[in-house]
Amino acid sequence: MKNGFDLINTVRVECHRHGFFMTDIHYSLKEQYAVFSARLISEPIEGLSHSTHLFTPDHGMISGQYGLTKDEAGKALIQRFDDLQGGSQ
């Protein structure tokens, strides 16, 4: 990925292809990955319709945790990104 805009758009397209709507994203251009939260397009916004995922240009969208509330997905997103950042240093 060349820049953040390119990465975010690529993740949005990948989400839509799998029936998800991206709700938040944290990424590392240097390490070439993104961690993001999403919700199923077909499910209501509230409830356990949120999930977290990992995206790499080589592997695409890699599943993570499912059945989360919006708040749980936000916390899991930050934790997963922090874990990956710690592992790459």
C-alpha atoms as a PDB file:
ATOM      1  CA  MET A   1       0.000   0.000   0.000  1.00  0.00           C
ATOM      2  CA  LYS A   2       1.300   3.413  -0.929  1.00  0.00           C
ATOM      3  CA  ASN A   3      -0.547   5.510   1.637  1.00  0.00           C
ATOM      4  CA  GLY A   4      -3.236   5.442   4.307  1.00  0.00           C
ATOM      5  CA  PHE A   5      -5.985   6.478   1.908  1.00  0.00           C
ATOM      6  CA  ASP A   6      -5.169   3.582  -0.420  1.00  0.00           C
ATOM      7  CA  LEU A   7      -5.104   1.121   2.485  1.00  0.00           C
ATOM      8  CA  ILE A   8      -8.414   2.311   3.951  1.00  0.00           C
ATOM      9  CA  ASN A   9     -10.171   2.132   0.574  1.00  0.00           C
ATOM     10  CA  THR A  10      -8.799  -1.359  -0.044  1.00  0.00           C
ATOM     11  CA  VAL A  11     -10.086  -2.527   3.355  1.00  0.00           C
ATOM     12  CA  ARG A  12     -13.511  -0.950   2.703  1.00  0.00           C
ATOM     13  CA  VAL A  13     -13.821  -2.796  -0.612  1.00  0.00           C
ATOM     14  CA  GLU A  14     -12.726  -6.073   1.002  1.00  0.00           C
ATOM     15  CA  CYS A  15     -15.273  -5.586   3.820  1.00  0.00           C
ATOM     16  CA  HIS A  16     -18.097  -4.901   1.407  1.00  0.00           C
ATOM     17  CA  ARG A  17     -17.171  -7.973  -0.633  1.00  0.00           C
ATOM     18  CA  HIS A  18     -17.620 -10.084   2.522  1.00  0.00           C
ATOM     19  CA  GLY A  19     -20.843  -8.359   3.653  1.00  0.00           C
ATOM     20  CA  PHE A  20     -19.331  -6.091   6.307  1.00  0.00           C
ATOM     21  CA  PHE A  21     -19.258  -2.345   6.950  1.00  0.00           C
ATOM     22  CA  MET A  22     -15.977  -1.090   8.449  1.00  0.00           C
ATOM     23  CA  THR A  23     -16.543   0.948  11.621  1.00  0.00           C
ATOM     24  CA  ASP A  24     -12.971   1.706  12.767  1.00  0.00           C
ATOM     25  CA  ILE A  25      -9.412   1.064  11.609  1.00  0.00           C
ATOM     26  CA  HIS A  26      -5.835   1.260  12.892  1.00  0.00           C
ATOM     27  CA  TYR A  27      -3.016   0.579  10.462  1.00  0.00           C
ATOM     28  CA  SER A  28       0.726   0.466   9.986  1.00  0.00           C
ATOM     29  CA  LEU A  29       2.005   1.393   6.541  1.00  0.00           C
ATOM     30  CA  LYS A  30       5.511   0.385   7.554  1.00  0.00           C
ATOM     31  CA  GLU A  31       4.421  -3.142   8.535  1.00  0.00           C
ATOM     32  CA  GLN A  32       1.733  -3.294   5.795  1.00  0.00           C
ATOM     33  CA  TYR A  33      -1.275  -4.354   7.870  1.00  0.00           C
ATOM     34  CA  ALA A  34      -4.503  -2.981   9.247  1.00  0.00           C
ATOM     35  CA  VAL A  35      -6.628  -4.041  12.194  1.00  0.00           C
ATOM     36  CA  PHE A  36     -10.246  -2.999  11.887  1.00  0.00           C
ATOM     37  CA  SER A  37     -13.666  -3.468  13.394  1.00  0.00           C
ATOM     38  CA  ALA A  38     -16.723  -4.053  11.270  1.00  0.00           C
ATOM     39  CA  ARG A  39     -20.350  -5.021  11.489  1.00  0.00           C
ATOM     40  CA  LEU A  40     -22.460  -7.209   9.276  1.00  0.00           C
ATOM     41  CA  ILE A  41     -24.412  -5.110   6.784  1.00  0.00           C
ATOM     42  CA  SER A  42     -27.471  -7.329   7.212  1.00  0.00           C
ATOM     43  CA  GLU A  43     -27.587  -7.028  11.017  1.00  0.00           C
ATOM     44  CA  PRO A  44     -28.887  -4.198  13.221  1.00  0.00           C
ATOM     45  CA  ILE A  45     -26.299  -1.686  14.447  1.00  0.00           C
ATOM     46  CA  GLU A  46     -26.920  -2.507  18.107  1.00  0.00           C
ATOM     47  CA  GLY A  47     -26.336  -5.916  19.614  1.00  0.00           C
ATOM     48  CA  LEU A  48     -23.688  -8.539  18.942  1.00  0.00           C
ATOM     49  CA  SER A  49     -23.173  -7.771  15.239  1.00  0.00           C
ATOM     50  CA  HIS A  50     -19.615  -6.377  15.461  1.00  0.00           C
ATOM     51  CA  SER A  51     -16.301  -8.121  14.827  1.00  0.00           C
ATOM     52  CA  THR A  52     -12.583  -7.427  14.503  1.00  0.00           C
ATOM     53  CA  HIS A  53     -10.318  -8.467  11.630  1.00  0.00           C
ATOM     54  CA  LEU A  54      -6.772  -8.228  10.347  1.00  0.00           C
ATOM     55  CA  PHE A  55      -5.962  -7.181   6.775  1.00  0.00           C
ATOM     56  CA  THR A  56      -2.699  -7.673   4.902  1.00  0.00           C
ATOM     57  CA  PRO A  57      -2.190  -7.022   1.181  1.00  0.00           C
ATOM     58  CA  ASP A  58      -0.805 -10.562   0.757  1.00  0.00           C
ATOM     59  CA  HIS A  59      -3.633 -12.393   2.561  1.00  0.00           C
ATOM     60  CA  GLY A  60      -6.616 -10.039   2.428  1.00  0.00           C
ATOM     61  CA  MET A  61      -9.160 -10.018   5.243  1.00  0.00           C
ATOM     62  CA  ILE A  62      -8.328 -12.437   8.059  1.00  0.00           C
ATOM     63  CA  SER A  63     -11.126 -13.190  10.503  1.00  0.00           C
ATOM     64  CA  GLY A  64     -10.847 -12.299  14.144  1.00  0.00           C
ATOM     65  CA  GLN A  65     -13.414 -12.087  16.920  1.00  0.00           C
ATOM     66  CA  TYR A  66     -17.153 -12.212  16.199  1.00  0.00           C
ATOM     67  CA  GLY A  67     -20.296 -11.578  18.230  1.00  0.00           C
ATOM     68  CA  LEU A  68     -19.097  -8.383  19.878  1.00  0.00           C
ATOM     69  CA  THR A  69     -20.921  -5.226  20.879  1.00  0.00           C
ATOM     70  CA  LYS A  70     -19.691  -1.964  19.384  1.00  0.00           C
ATOM     71  CA  ASP A  71     -17.793  -1.114  22.603  1.00  0.00           C
ATOM     72  CA  GLU A  72     -16.244  -4.578  22.861  1.00  0.00           C
ATOM     73  CA  ALA A  73     -15.109  -4.402  19.241  1.00  0.00           C
ATOM     74  CA  GLY A  74     -13.505  -1.006  19.847  1.00  0.00           C
ATOM     75  CA  LYS A  75     -11.564  -2.281  22.849  1.00  0.00           C
ATOM     76  CA  ALA A  76     -10.553  -5.497  21.057  1.00  0.00           C
ATOM     77  CA  LEU A  77      -9.362  -3.461  18.058  1.00  0.00           C
ATOM     78  CA  ILE A  78      -7.065  -1.321  20.190  1.00  0.00           C
ATOM     79  CA  GLN A  79      -5.743  -4.345  22.103  1.00  0.00           C
ATOM     80  CA  ARG A  80      -5.015  -6.315  18.936  1.00  0.00           C
ATOM     81  CA  PHE A  81      -3.279  -3.360  17.279  1.00  0.00           C
ATOM     82  CA  ASP A  82      -1.184  -2.743  20.409  1.00  0.00           C
ATOM     83  CA  ASP A  83      -0.252  -6.446  20.525  1.00  0.00           C
ATOM     84  CA  LEU A  84       0.866  -6.370  16.895  1.00  0.00           C
ATOM     85  CA  GLN A  85       2.819  -3.146  17.375  1.00  0.00           C
ATOM     86  CA  GLY A  86       4.606  -4.635  20.383  1.00  0.00           C
ATOM     87  CA  GLY A  87       5.481  -7.753  18.439  1.00  0.00           C
ATOM     88  CA  SER A  88       7.003  -5.812  15.547  1.00  0.00           C
ATOM     89  CA  GLN A  89       9.433  -3.711  17.556  1.00  0.00           C
END
